[in-house]
C-alpha atoms as a PDB file:
ATOM      1  CA  MET A   1     -43.265   4.602  34.336  1.00  0.00           C
ATOM      2  CA  ASP A   2     -39.878   2.473  34.471  1.00  0.00           C
ATOM      3  CA  LYS A   3     -38.307   4.737  31.926  1.00  0.00           C
ATOM      4  CA  LEU A   4     -35.363   2.255  31.394  1.00  0.00           C
ATOM      5  CA  GLN A   5     -37.504  -0.463  30.972  1.00  0.00           C
ATOM      6  CA  ALA A   6     -39.369   1.387  28.496  1.00  0.00           C
ATOM      7  CA  MET A   7     -36.436   2.198  26.619  1.00  0.00           C
ATOM      8  CA  HIS A   8     -35.616  -1.663  26.505  1.00  0.00           C
ATOM      9  CA  VAL A   9     -38.445  -2.499  25.140  1.00  0.00           C
ATOM     10  CA  PHE A  10     -38.742   0.266  22.626  1.00  0.00           C
ATOM     11  CA  GLN A  11     -35.179  -1.080  21.746  1.00  0.00           C
ATOM     12  CA  ALA A  12     -36.198  -4.589  21.214  1.00  0.00           C
ATOM     13  CA  VAL A  13     -39.281  -3.746  19.006  1.00  0.00           C
ATOM     14  CA  VAL A  14     -36.942  -2.264  16.274  1.00  0.00           C
ATOM     15  CA  ASP A  15     -33.991  -5.097  16.648  1.00  0.00           C
ATOM     16  CA  GLU A  16     -36.816  -7.458  16.495  1.00  0.00           C
ATOM     17  CA  GLY A  17     -39.161  -5.848  13.665  1.00  0.00           C
ATOM     18  CA  GLY A  18     -42.509  -5.857  15.431  1.00  0.00           C
ATOM     19  CA  PHE A  19     -44.520  -5.731  18.541  1.00  0.00           C
ATOM     20  CA  ALA A  20     -45.503  -9.175  18.212  1.00  0.00           C
ATOM     21  CA  ALA A  21     -41.730 -10.238  18.229  1.00  0.00           C
ATOM     22  CA  ALA A  22     -40.214  -7.986  20.926  1.00  0.00           C
ATOM     23  CA  ALA A  23     -43.028  -9.165  23.388  1.00  0.00           C
ATOM     24  CA  ARG A  24     -41.410 -13.216  22.977  1.00  0.00           C
ATOM     25  CA  ALA A  25     -38.103 -11.870  22.948  1.00  0.00           C
ATOM     26  CA  LEU A  26     -38.990 -10.156  25.933  1.00  0.00           C
ATOM     27  CA  ASP A  27     -41.216 -12.801  27.771  1.00  0.00           C
ATOM     28  CA  MET A  28     -43.782 -10.311  27.707  1.00  0.00           C
ATOM     29  CA  SER A  29     -47.245  -9.834  26.720  1.00  0.00           C
ATOM     30  CA  PRO A  30     -47.810  -7.907  23.203  1.00  0.00           C
ATOM     31  CA  ALA A  31     -50.427  -5.120  25.053  1.00  0.00           C
ATOM     32  CA  GLY A  32     -47.627  -4.491  27.876  1.00  0.00           C
ATOM     33  CA  VAL A  33     -45.108  -3.735  25.223  1.00  0.00           C
ATOM     34  CA  THR A  34     -47.823  -1.609  23.355  1.00  0.00           C
ATOM     35  CA  ARG A  35     -48.212   0.488  26.834  1.00  0.00           C
ATOM     36  CA  TYR A  36     -44.544   0.966  27.210  1.00  0.00           C
ATOM     37  CA  VAL A  37     -43.914   2.472  24.133  1.00  0.00           C
ATOM     38  CA  SER A  38     -47.114   4.914  24.421  1.00  0.00           C
ATOM     39  CA  GLU A  39     -46.040   5.625  27.412  1.00  0.00           C
ATOM     40  CA  LEU A  40     -42.642   6.634  26.002  1.00  0.00           C
ATOM     41  CA  GLU A  41     -44.209   8.323  23.186  1.00  0.00           C
ATOM     42  CA  SER A  42     -46.400  10.701  25.556  1.00  0.00           C
ATOM     43  CA  ASP A  43     -43.310  10.872  27.904  1.00  0.00           C
ATOM     44  CA  VAL A  44     -41.352  12.746  25.024  1.00  0.00           C
ATOM     45  CA  GLY A  45     -44.154  14.079  23.179  1.00  0.00           C
ATOM     46  CA  ALA A  46     -42.896  12.853  20.153  1.00  0.00           C
ATOM     47  CA  ARG A  47     -43.880   9.497  17.305  1.00  0.00           C
ATOM     48  CA  LEU A  48     -41.334   7.299  17.720  1.00  0.00           C
ATOM     49  CA  LEU A  49     -42.843   4.410  15.398  1.00  0.00           C
ATOM     50  CA  GLN A  50     -44.695   4.291  12.228  1.00  0.00           C
ATOM     51  CA  ARG A  51     -46.749   1.036  12.232  1.00  0.00           C
ATOM     52  CA  THR A  52     -48.912  -0.375   9.655  1.00  0.00           C
ATOM     53  CA  THR A  53     -50.410  -3.468   9.335  1.00  0.00           C
ATOM     54  CA  ARG A  54     -47.173  -5.059   7.429  1.00  0.00           C
ATOM     55  CA  LYS A  55     -44.429  -3.128   9.372  1.00  0.00           C
ATOM     56  CA  VAL A  56     -42.936  -1.143  12.059  1.00  0.00           C
ATOM     57  CA  SER A  57     -40.813   1.632  11.060  1.00  0.00           C
ATOM     58  CA  LEU A  58     -39.038   4.550  13.204  1.00  0.00           C
ATOM     59  CA  THR A  59     -40.228   8.461  12.737  1.00  0.00           C
ATOM     60  CA  GLU A  60     -37.010  10.369  12.030  1.00  0.00           C
ATOM     61  CA  ALA A  61     -37.648  11.526  15.513  1.00  0.00           C
ATOM     62  CA  GLY A  62     -37.753   8.177  16.623  1.00  0.00           C
ATOM     63  CA  GLU A  63     -34.443   7.316  15.061  1.00  0.00           C
ATOM     64  CA  ALA A  64     -32.421  10.151  16.793  1.00  0.00           C
ATOM     65  CA  TYR A  65     -34.303   8.853  19.749  1.00  0.00           C
ATOM     66  CA  LEU A  66     -32.565   5.271  19.318  1.00  0.00           C
ATOM     67  CA  ALA A  67     -29.164   6.451  18.743  1.00  0.00           C
ATOM     68  CA  ARG A  68     -29.163   7.998  22.689  1.00  0.00           C
ATOM     69  CA  VAL A  69     -31.807   4.753  23.997  1.00  0.00           C
ATOM     70  CA  ARG A  70     -28.312   2.664  22.586  1.00  0.00           C
ATOM     71  CA  HIS A  71     -25.787   4.830  24.640  1.00  0.00           C
ATOM     72  CA  ILE A  72     -27.785   5.017  27.849  1.00  0.00           C
ATOM     73  CA  LEU A  73     -28.326   1.110  27.391  1.00  0.00           C
ATOM     74  CA  ASN A  74     -24.977   0.285  27.118  1.00  0.00           C
ATOM     75  CA  ASP A  75     -23.761   2.724  30.177  1.00  0.00           C
ATOM     76  CA  VAL A  76     -26.296   1.198  32.135  1.00  0.00           C
ATOM     77  CA  GLU A  77     -25.093  -2.835  31.225  1.00  0.00           C
ATOM     78  CA  ASP A  78     -21.437  -0.949  32.126  1.00  0.00           C
ATOM     79  CA  ALA A  79     -22.804   0.191  35.495  1.00  0.00           C
ATOM     80  CA  ARG A  80     -23.654  -2.898  36.413  1.00  0.00           C
ATOM     81  CA  ALA A  81     -21.012  -4.586  34.450  1.00  0.00           C
ATOM     82  CA  VAL A  82     -18.618  -2.458  36.842  1.00  0.00           C
ATOM     83  CA  ALA A  83     -20.076  -3.919  39.990  1.00  0.00           C
ATOM     84  CA  GLN A  84     -19.763  -7.325  39.359  1.00  0.00           C
ATOM     85  CA  ALA A  85     -16.093  -6.604  38.452  1.00  0.00           C
ATOM     86  CA  HIS A  86     -15.848  -5.757  42.598  1.00  0.00           C
ATOM     87  CA  THR A  87     -16.844  -9.280  43.121  1.00  0.00           C
ATOM     88  CA  MET A  88     -14.689 -10.679  40.433  1.00  0.00           C
ATOM     89  CA  GLU A  89     -17.698 -11.901  38.759  1.00  0.00           C
ATOM     90  CA  ILE A  90     -17.166 -11.974  34.684  1.00  0.00           C
ATOM     91  CA  ALA A  91     -20.851 -12.071  33.694  1.00  0.00           C
ATOM     92  CA  GLY A  92     -22.941 -10.405  31.604  1.00  0.00           C
ATOM     93  CA  VAL A  93     -23.975  -9.967  27.825  1.00  0.00           C
ATOM     94  CA  LEU A  94     -20.432  -9.661  25.143  1.00  0.00           C
ATOM     95  CA  HIS A  95     -21.793  -7.804  21.814  1.00  0.00           C
ATOM     96  CA  ILE A  96     -19.454  -8.381  19.188  1.00  0.00           C
ATOM     97  CA  SER A  97     -19.389  -7.268  15.413  1.00  0.00           C
ATOM     98  CA  ALA A  98     -17.403  -9.287  12.968  1.00  0.00           C
ATOM     99  CA  SER A  99     -17.299  -9.652   9.376  1.00  0.00           C
ATOM    100  CA  PRO A 100     -18.840 -13.571   7.716  1.00  0.00           C
ATOM    101  CA  LEU A 101     -14.985 -14.553   7.770  1.00  0.00           C
ATOM    102  CA  LEU A 102     -13.678 -13.502  11.126  1.00  0.00           C
ATOM    103  CA  ALA A 103     -17.014 -14.895  12.832  1.00  0.00           C
ATOM    104  CA  THR A 104     -17.351 -18.131  10.839  1.00  0.00           C
ATOM    105  CA  HIS A 105     -13.421 -19.103  11.792  1.00  0.00           C
ATOM    106  CA  LEU A 106     -12.245 -16.965  14.680  1.00  0.00           C
ATOM    107  CA  LEU A 107     -15.179 -15.916  16.963  1.00  0.00           C
ATOM    108  CA  ALA A 108     -17.085 -19.399  16.885  1.00  0.00           C
ATOM    109  CA  PRO A 109     -14.652 -21.299  17.617  1.00  0.00           C
ATOM    110  CA  VAL A 110     -13.893 -20.159  20.699  1.00  0.00           C
ATOM    111  CA  ILE A 111     -17.094 -19.242  22.551  1.00  0.00           C
ATOM    112  CA  ALA A 112     -17.288 -22.569  23.491  1.00  0.00           C
ATOM    113  CA  GLY A 113     -14.343 -23.168  24.776  1.00  0.00           C
ATOM    114  CA  PHE A 114     -14.638 -19.672  26.768  1.00  0.00           C
ATOM    115  CA  ARG A 115     -18.206 -20.394  28.291  1.00  0.00           C
ATOM    116  CA  ARG A 116     -16.622 -23.176  29.583  1.00  0.00           C
ATOM    117  CA  LEU A 117     -14.353 -20.694  31.927  1.00  0.00           C
ATOM    118  CA  HIS A 118     -17.254 -18.340  32.404  1.00  0.00           C
ATOM    119  CA  PRO A 119     -20.608 -19.960  32.058  1.00  0.00           C
ATOM    120  CA  GLN A 120     -22.672 -16.588  33.001  1.00  0.00           C
ATOM    121  CA  VAL A 121     -21.275 -14.738  29.999  1.00  0.00           C
ATOM    122  CA  THR A 122     -23.334 -14.800  26.859  1.00  0.00           C
ATOM    123  CA  PHE A 123     -22.695 -13.736  23.423  1.00  0.00           C
ATOM    124  CA  ASP A 124     -24.790 -11.418  21.179  1.00  0.00           C
ATOM    125  CA  VAL A 125     -22.709 -11.308  17.838  1.00  0.00           C
ATOM    126  CA  SER A 126     -23.773  -9.040  14.536  1.00  0.00           C
ATOM    127  CA  VAL A 127     -22.200 -10.794  11.180  1.00  0.00           C
ATOM    128  CA  GLU A 128     -21.686  -7.996   8.657  1.00  0.00           C
ATOM    129  CA  ALA A 129     -20.079  -7.084   5.730  1.00  0.00           C
ATOM    130  CA  VAL A 130     -17.826  -4.374   6.116  1.00  0.00           C
ATOM    131  CA  GLY A 131     -19.812  -0.746   6.830  1.00  0.00           C
ATOM    132  CA  PRO A 132     -20.569   1.893   8.222  1.00  0.00           C
ATOM    133  CA  SER A 133     -21.360   0.451  11.854  1.00  0.00           C
ATOM    134  CA  SER A 134     -20.331   2.214  14.568  1.00  0.00           C
ATOM    135  CA  VAL A 135     -17.646   1.317  17.194  1.00  0.00           C
ATOM    136  CA  SER A 136     -19.709   2.270  20.080  1.00  0.00           C
ATOM    137  CA  ASP A 137     -22.511   0.238  19.401  1.00  0.00           C
ATOM    138  CA  TYR A 138     -20.747  -2.948  20.468  1.00  0.00           C
ATOM    139  CA  ASP A 139     -17.971  -4.159  23.282  1.00  0.00           C
ATOM    140  CA  ILE A 140     -15.603  -5.561  20.198  1.00  0.00           C
ATOM    141  CA  LYS A 141     -15.913  -4.941  16.622  1.00  0.00           C
ATOM    142  CA  LEU A 142     -12.842  -7.488  15.048  1.00  0.00           C
ATOM    143  CA  LEU A 143     -11.438  -5.834  11.877  1.00  0.00           C
ATOM    144  CA  THR A 144      -8.021  -6.495   9.781  1.00  0.00           C
ATOM    145  CA  ALA A 145      -5.949  -4.103   8.391  1.00  0.00           C
ATOM    146  CA  PRO A 146      -2.272  -3.573   7.506  1.00  0.00           C
ATOM    147  CA  SER A 147      -0.022  -2.699  10.304  1.00  0.00           C
ATOM    148  CA  GLY A 148      -0.058   0.530  11.887  1.00  0.00           C
ATOM    149  CA  PHE A 149      -3.280   1.269  10.363  1.00  0.00           C
ATOM    150  CA  ASN A 150      -4.299   4.862  11.741  1.00  0.00           C
ATOM    151  CA  ALA A 151      -8.501   4.987  11.705  1.00  0.00           C
ATOM    152  CA  ASN A 152      -9.458   7.420  14.522  1.00  0.00           C
ATOM    153  CA  LEU A 153     -10.053   4.162  16.493  1.00  0.00           C
ATOM    154  CA  ILE A 154      -9.426   2.362  20.195  1.00  0.00           C
ATOM    155  CA  ALA A 155      -8.050  -0.599  18.685  1.00  0.00           C
ATOM    156  CA  ARG A 156      -6.132  -3.495  20.462  1.00  0.00           C
ATOM    157  CA  PRO A 157      -3.885  -5.698  18.024  1.00  0.00           C
ATOM    158  CA  ILE A 158      -4.983  -9.379  18.322  1.00  0.00           C
ATOM    159  CA  ILE A 159      -2.299 -10.963  16.190  1.00  0.00           C
ATOM    160  CA  THR A 160       0.006  -9.472  13.354  1.00  0.00           C
ATOM    161  CA  THR A 161       0.580 -12.545  10.611  1.00  0.00           C
ATOM    162  CA  MET A 162       1.375 -12.897   6.882  1.00  0.00           C
ATOM    163  CA  GLY A 163      -0.940 -14.238   3.894  1.00  0.00           C
ATOM    164  CA  VAL A 164       0.429 -17.557   3.438  1.00  0.00           C
ATOM    165  CA  LEU A 165       0.211 -20.439   0.071  1.00  0.00           C
ATOM    166  CA  CYS A 166      -1.728 -23.222   1.043  1.00  0.00           C
ATOM    167  CA  ALA A 167      -3.232 -25.868  -0.898  1.00  0.00           C
ATOM    168  CA  SER A 168      -4.751 -29.435   0.227  1.00  0.00           C
ATOM    169  CA  PRO A 169      -2.752 -32.617   0.277  1.00  0.00           C
ATOM    170  CA  GLU A 170      -4.776 -34.161  -2.643  1.00  0.00           C
ATOM    171  CA  TYR A 171      -3.869 -31.285  -4.760  1.00  0.00           C
ATOM    172  CA  LEU A 172       0.200 -31.450  -3.998  1.00  0.00           C
ATOM    173  CA  ASN A 173      -0.339 -35.949  -4.614  1.00  0.00           C
ATOM    174  CA  GLU A 174      -1.594 -34.972  -7.858  1.00  0.00           C
ATOM    175  CA  ARG A 175       0.304 -32.040  -8.993  1.00  0.00           C
ATOM    176  CA  GLY A 176       3.757 -31.793  -6.783  1.00  0.00           C
ATOM    177  CA  ALA A 177       4.459 -29.257  -4.565  1.00  0.00           C
ATOM    178  CA  PRO A 178       6.464 -25.876  -6.067  1.00  0.00           C
ATOM    179  CA  LEU A 179      10.212 -25.634  -5.002  1.00  0.00           C
ATOM    180  CA  THR A 180      10.302 -22.003  -6.697  1.00  0.00           C
ATOM    181  CA  PRO A 181       8.146 -19.206  -6.629  1.00  0.00           C
ATOM    182  CA  ASP A 182       8.274 -19.349 -10.438  1.00  0.00           C
ATOM    183  CA  ASP A 183       7.137 -22.949 -10.260  1.00  0.00           C
ATOM    184  CA  LEU A 184       3.541 -21.675  -9.419  1.00  0.00           C
ATOM    185  CA  LYS A 185       3.384 -20.485 -13.063  1.00  0.00           C
ATOM    186  CA  ASP A 186       3.023 -24.756 -13.604  1.00  0.00           C
ATOM    187  CA  HIS A 187       0.443 -24.943 -11.310  1.00  0.00           C
ATOM    188  CA  ASP A 188      -3.525 -24.018 -10.763  1.00  0.00           C
ATOM    189  CA  CYS A 189      -3.510 -20.755  -9.141  1.00  0.00           C
ATOM    190  CA  LEU A 190      -6.596 -19.135  -7.212  1.00  0.00           C
ATOM    191  CA  GLN A 191      -6.559 -15.293  -6.364  1.00  0.00           C
ATOM    192  CA  PHE A 192      -8.204 -13.065  -4.287  1.00  0.00           C
ATOM    193  CA  LYS A 193      -9.626 -10.163  -6.254  1.00  0.00           C
ATOM    194  CA  HIS A 194      -9.242  -6.848  -4.335  1.00  0.00           C
ATOM    195  CA  GLN A 195      -8.368  -3.544  -5.479  1.00  0.00           C
ATOM    196  CA  ASP A 196      -5.613  -3.129  -4.339  1.00  0.00           C
ATOM    197  CA  ARG A 197      -4.168  -6.552  -6.086  1.00  0.00           C
ATOM    198  CA  ARG A 198      -2.791  -7.167  -9.451  1.00  0.00           C
ATOM    199  CA  ILE A 199      -4.951 -10.626 -10.998  1.00  0.00           C
ATOM    200  CA  GLY A 200      -2.599 -12.551 -12.619  1.00  0.00           C
ATOM    201  CA  MET A 201       0.210 -11.337 -10.532  1.00  0.00           C
ATOM    202  CA  VAL A 202       1.338 -12.621  -7.166  1.00  0.00           C
ATOM    203  CA  GLN A 203       3.393 -11.077  -4.571  1.00  0.00           C
ATOM    204  CA  LEU A 204       5.928 -12.768  -2.357  1.00  0.00           C
ATOM    205  CA  THR A 205       7.889 -11.769  -0.198  1.00  0.00           C
ATOM    206  CA  ASN A 206      10.840 -13.875   2.178  1.00  0.00           C
ATOM    207  CA  PRO A 207      11.759 -12.816   5.633  1.00  0.00           C
ATOM    208  CA  GLU A 208      14.580 -15.276   5.855  1.00  0.00           C
ATOM    209  CA  ALA A 209      16.635 -13.230   2.625  1.00  0.00           C
ATOM    210  CA  ASP A 210      16.144  -9.827   4.092  1.00  0.00           C
ATOM    211  CA  GLY A 211      12.616  -8.831   2.602  1.00  0.00           C
ATOM    212  CA  LEU A 212      13.340  -9.911  -0.969  1.00  0.00           C
ATOM    213  CA  THR A 213      10.075  -9.306  -2.622  1.00  0.00           C
ATOM    214  CA  VAL A 214       9.744 -11.386  -6.102  1.00  0.00           C
ATOM    215  CA  GLU A 215       6.314 -10.970  -8.332  1.00  0.00           C
ATOM    216  CA  VAL A 216       5.388 -14.603 -10.041  1.00  0.00           C
ATOM    217  CA  PRO A 217       2.836 -14.305 -13.175  1.00  0.00           C
ATOM    218  CA  VAL A 218       0.263 -16.849 -13.081  1.00  0.00           C
ATOM    219  CA  ARG A 219      -2.959 -18.004 -14.691  1.00  0.00           C
ATOM    220  CA  PRO A 220      -5.692 -17.790 -12.022  1.00  0.00           C
ATOM    221  CA  VAL A 221      -8.229 -20.690 -12.560  1.00  0.00           C
ATOM    222  CA  CYS A 222     -10.458 -18.818 -10.334  1.00  0.00           C
ATOM    223  CA  GLN A 223     -10.796 -15.046  -9.257  1.00  0.00           C
ATOM    224  CA  VAL A 224     -13.012 -14.404  -6.047  1.00  0.00           C
ATOM    225  CA  ASN A 225     -13.680 -11.493  -4.082  1.00  0.00           C
ATOM    226  CA  TYR A 226     -14.576 -13.511  -1.204  1.00  0.00           C
ATOM    227  CA  LEU A 227     -12.057 -15.272   1.159  1.00  0.00           C
ATOM    228  CA  ASP A 228     -14.259 -18.084   2.483  1.00  0.00           C
ATOM    229  CA  THR A 229     -15.259 -19.210  -1.058  1.00  0.00           C
ATOM    230  CA  LEU A 230     -11.760 -19.414  -1.761  1.00  0.00           C
ATOM    231  CA  LEU A 231     -10.722 -21.224   1.697  1.00  0.00           C
ATOM    232  CA  ARG A 232     -13.503 -23.879   0.484  1.00  0.00           C
ATOM    233  CA  ALA A 233     -12.194 -24.240  -2.893  1.00  0.00           C
ATOM    234  CA  VAL A 234      -8.480 -25.033  -1.406  1.00  0.00           C
ATOM    235  CA  LEU A 235      -9.904 -27.014   0.750  1.00  0.00           C
ATOM    236  CA  ASP A 236     -11.638 -28.734  -1.995  1.00  0.00           C
ATOM    237  CA  GLY A 237      -8.093 -29.534  -4.117  1.00  0.00           C
ATOM    238  CA  ALA A 238      -8.906 -26.416  -6.890  1.00  0.00           C
ATOM    239  CA  GLY A 239      -5.187 -25.209  -6.218  1.00  0.00           C
ATOM    240  CA  ILE A 240      -3.085 -23.024  -4.289  1.00  0.00           C
ATOM    241  CA  GLY A 241      -4.063 -20.038  -2.857  1.00  0.00           C
ATOM    242  CA  SER A 242      -3.044 -17.082  -0.254  1.00  0.00           C
ATOM    243  CA  GLN A 243      -4.923 -17.309   3.224  1.00  0.00           C
ATOM    244  CA  PRO A 244      -4.238 -15.126   5.919  1.00  0.00           C
ATOM    245  CA  MET A 245      -2.542 -17.353   8.750  1.00  0.00           C
ATOM    246  CA  GLU A 246      -4.793 -16.758  11.755  1.00  0.00           C
ATOM    247  CA  LEU A 247      -7.620 -18.233   9.167  1.00  0.00           C
ATOM    248  CA  ALA A 248      -5.350 -21.201   7.670  1.00  0.00           C
ATOM    249  CA  ALA A 249      -3.649 -22.180  10.771  1.00  0.00           C
ATOM    250  CA  PRO A 250      -6.545 -24.596  12.283  1.00  0.00           C
ATOM    251  CA  TYR A 251      -6.691 -26.492   8.790  1.00  0.00           C
ATOM    252  CA  LEU A 252      -2.700 -26.726   8.917  1.00  0.00           C
ATOM    253  CA  ASN A 253      -2.753 -27.679  12.273  1.00  0.00           C
ATOM    254  CA  THR A 254      -5.298 -30.857  11.488  1.00  0.00           C
ATOM    255  CA  GLY A 255      -3.552 -31.527   7.983  1.00  0.00           C
ATOM    256  CA  LYS A 256      -6.707 -30.443   5.706  1.00  0.00           C
ATOM    257  CA  LEU A 257      -4.090 -28.056   4.078  1.00  0.00           C
ATOM    258  CA  VAL A 258      -0.378 -28.015   3.739  1.00  0.00           C
ATOM    259  CA  ARG A 259       1.446 -24.721   3.538  1.00  0.00           C
ATOM    260  CA  VAL A 260       3.782 -24.418   0.561  1.00  0.00           C
ATOM    261  CA  LEU A 261       6.537 -22.264  -0.403  1.00  0.00           C
ATOM    262  CA  ALA A 262       7.315 -21.309   3.162  1.00  0.00           C
ATOM    263  CA  PRO A 263       8.893 -19.223   3.824  1.00  0.00           C
ATOM    264  CA  TRP A 264       7.780 -16.770   1.202  1.00  0.00           C
ATOM    265  CA  THR A 265       4.787 -15.029   2.470  1.00  0.00           C
ATOM    266  CA  THR A 266       2.397 -12.855   0.860  1.00  0.00           C
ATOM    267  CA  GLY A 267       1.586 -10.272   3.155  1.00  0.00           C
ATOM    268  CA  GLN A 268       1.150  -8.688   6.858  1.00  0.00           C
ATOM    269  CA  LEU A 269      -2.028  -8.108   8.154  1.00  0.00           C
ATOM    270  CA  THR A 270      -3.045  -7.228  12.158  1.00  0.00           C
ATOM    271  CA  LEU A 271      -6.631  -8.753  13.188  1.00  0.00           C
ATOM    272  CA  TYR A 272      -7.650  -6.457  15.681  1.00  0.00           C
ATOM    273  CA  ALA A 273     -10.040  -5.504  18.127  1.00  0.00           C
ATOM    274  CA  ALA A 274     -11.604  -2.272  17.989  1.00  0.00           C
ATOM    275  CA  LEU A 275     -13.033  -1.241  21.167  1.00  0.00           C
ATOM    276  CA  PRO A 276     -15.977   1.887  22.161  1.00  0.00           C
ATOM    277  CA  SER A 277     -14.585   5.150  23.523  1.00  0.00           C
ATOM    278  CA  ARG A 278     -15.185   4.269  26.834  1.00  0.00           C
ATOM    279  CA  LYS A 279     -12.841   4.552  30.039  1.00  0.00           C
ATOM    280  CA  PHE A 280     -14.055   1.151  31.599  1.00  0.00           C
ATOM    281  CA  LEU A 281     -13.651  -2.062  29.729  1.00  0.00           C
ATOM    282  CA  PRO A 282     -16.031  -4.468  31.330  1.00  0.00           C
ATOM    283  CA  ALA A 283     -14.561  -7.921  33.363  1.00  0.00           C
ATOM    284  CA  ARG A 284     -16.011  -9.780  30.442  1.00  0.00           C
ATOM    285  CA  THR A 285     -14.551  -7.883  27.540  1.00  0.00           C
ATOM    286  CA  GLN A 286     -10.956  -7.898  29.292  1.00  0.00           C
ATOM    287  CA  ALA A 287     -11.168 -11.515  29.827  1.00  0.00           C
ATOM    288  CA  PHE A 288     -12.780 -12.693  26.373  1.00  0.00           C
ATOM    289  CA  LEU A 289     -10.036 -10.343  24.383  1.00  0.00           C
ATOM    290  CA  GLU A 290      -7.147 -12.103  26.478  1.00  0.00           C
ATOM    291  CA  TYR A 291      -8.956 -15.897  25.519  1.00  0.00           C
ATOM    292  CA  LEU A 292      -8.943 -14.693  22.233  1.00  0.00           C
ATOM    293  CA  THR A 293      -5.511 -13.560  21.869  1.00  0.00           C
ATOM    294  CA  GLU A 294      -4.181 -16.669  23.396  1.00  0.00           C
ATOM    295  CA  ARG A 295      -5.927 -18.814  21.252  1.00  0.00           C
ATOM    296  CA  THR A 296      -5.262 -17.246  18.042  1.00  0.00           C
ATOM    297  CA  ARG A 297      -1.462 -16.832  18.887  1.00  0.00           C
ATOM    298  CA  ASN A 298      -1.817 -20.616  19.881  1.00  0.00           C
ATOM    299  CA  SER A 299      -2.919 -21.757  17.253  1.00  0.00           C
ATOM    300  CA  VAL A 300      -0.669 -19.570  14.408  1.00  0.00           C
ATOM    301  CA  HIS A 301       2.503 -20.917  16.320  1.00  0.00           C
ATOM    302  CA  ALA A 302       1.430 -24.224  15.975  1.00  0.00           C
ATOM    303  CA  ALA A 303       0.509 -24.111  12.599  1.00  0.00           C
ATOM    304  CA  MET A 304       3.888 -22.216  11.890  1.00  0.00           C
ATOM    305  CA  GLU A 305       5.724 -25.367  14.121  1.00  0.00           C
ATOM    306  CA  ARG A 306       4.445 -27.521  11.515  1.00  0.00           C
ATOM    307  CA  ALA A 307       4.808 -26.402   8.727  1.00  0.00           C
ATOM    308  CA  ALA A 308       9.079 -25.708   9.693  1.00  0.00           C
ATOM    309  CA  GLN A 309       8.526 -29.648  10.118  1.00  0.00           C
ATOM    310  CA  GLN A 310       7.280 -30.221   6.997  1.00  0.00           C
ATOM    311  CA  ARG A 311       9.815 -28.059   5.186  1.00  0.00           C
ATOM    312  CA  ASP A 312      12.363 -29.841   6.917  1.00  0.00           C
ATOM    313  CA  ALA A 313      11.325 -33.230   6.578  1.00  0.00           C
ATOM    314  CA  ALA A 314      10.852 -32.201   2.632  1.00  0.00           C
ATOM    315  CA  ARG A 315      14.525 -30.672   2.263  1.00  0.00           C
ATOM    316  CA  PRO A 316      16.871 -33.965   1.762  1.00  0.00           C
ATOM    317  CA  LEU A 317      14.627 -34.899  -0.957  1.00  0.00           C
ATOM    318  CA  SER A 318      14.639 -31.465  -2.814  1.00  0.00           C
ATOM    319  CA  ASP A 319      17.727 -29.694  -1.811  1.00  0.00           C
ATOM    320  CA  PRO A 320      20.953 -32.198  -2.697  1.00  0.00           C
ATOM    321  CA  LEU A 321      23.239 -29.795  -1.380  1.00  0.00           C
ATOM    322  CA  SER A 322      21.649 -31.030   2.591  1.00  0.00           C
ATOM    323  CA  GLU A 323      22.658 -34.576   1.589  1.00  0.00           C
END
């Protein structure tokens, strides 16, 4: 029995949810899949899977065994990547975990460009809400957190940005742009619901005035606990809302959104790439981290430049002292 292949087949049965699905994914016969799993169970002396007519589930022994199998197969893949690194070939499967928001707005837009540079790299992306999944299950786990957080993770910062207030051009054409923080009281505001934030109050910081911070009472027309929903509503002209700059940047750069009340910000966050506790970083991981970092920083820089130009263009109309 090829034990590594048997482990690979066993993992596929669990991940694909059954023997037939695993057979299709591995381009094997169902009988071959069944044989590998049976031989593996005989080798370890324990039943690893419970089989019924409707589903396949892990036994207690199977759960413990699967955890070790995943590490072993990851190490085998890393060993293969080490050999490939000696030939400077960037290839293999890149396993990435990200929240729905980061996967949609940061990860998905860079896949095509990266694969044009490195066509031998493929992606296995797990989109999941914040949960207990281990960083060691992936090459990269994308997450956002306050700057300087310490969660006992090996984490590389991609970019530190701020939250910015945005609105659609259609909304601003109809309602006008706020010129001071107090003007938000007269606008339709959309707020993100979070346990650390007070609904009905917007806290703004001015980095150009020694970090001056003010709180503005508002009457939100929409409260939502999912940033993607908030972004969609702002894009559709529902009002003014705060977004992390790295997520808003593509829309600011194309003119689908306009930043308002610059240079005021609504907070600061850092985008991190959490890495497994392994000494060796595969070449494909290193290359993708460099690509993602460069693309994200360039996009944010362009958005900030555009916002500054819009602010300068509007200043003669809104600031009589500048005339």
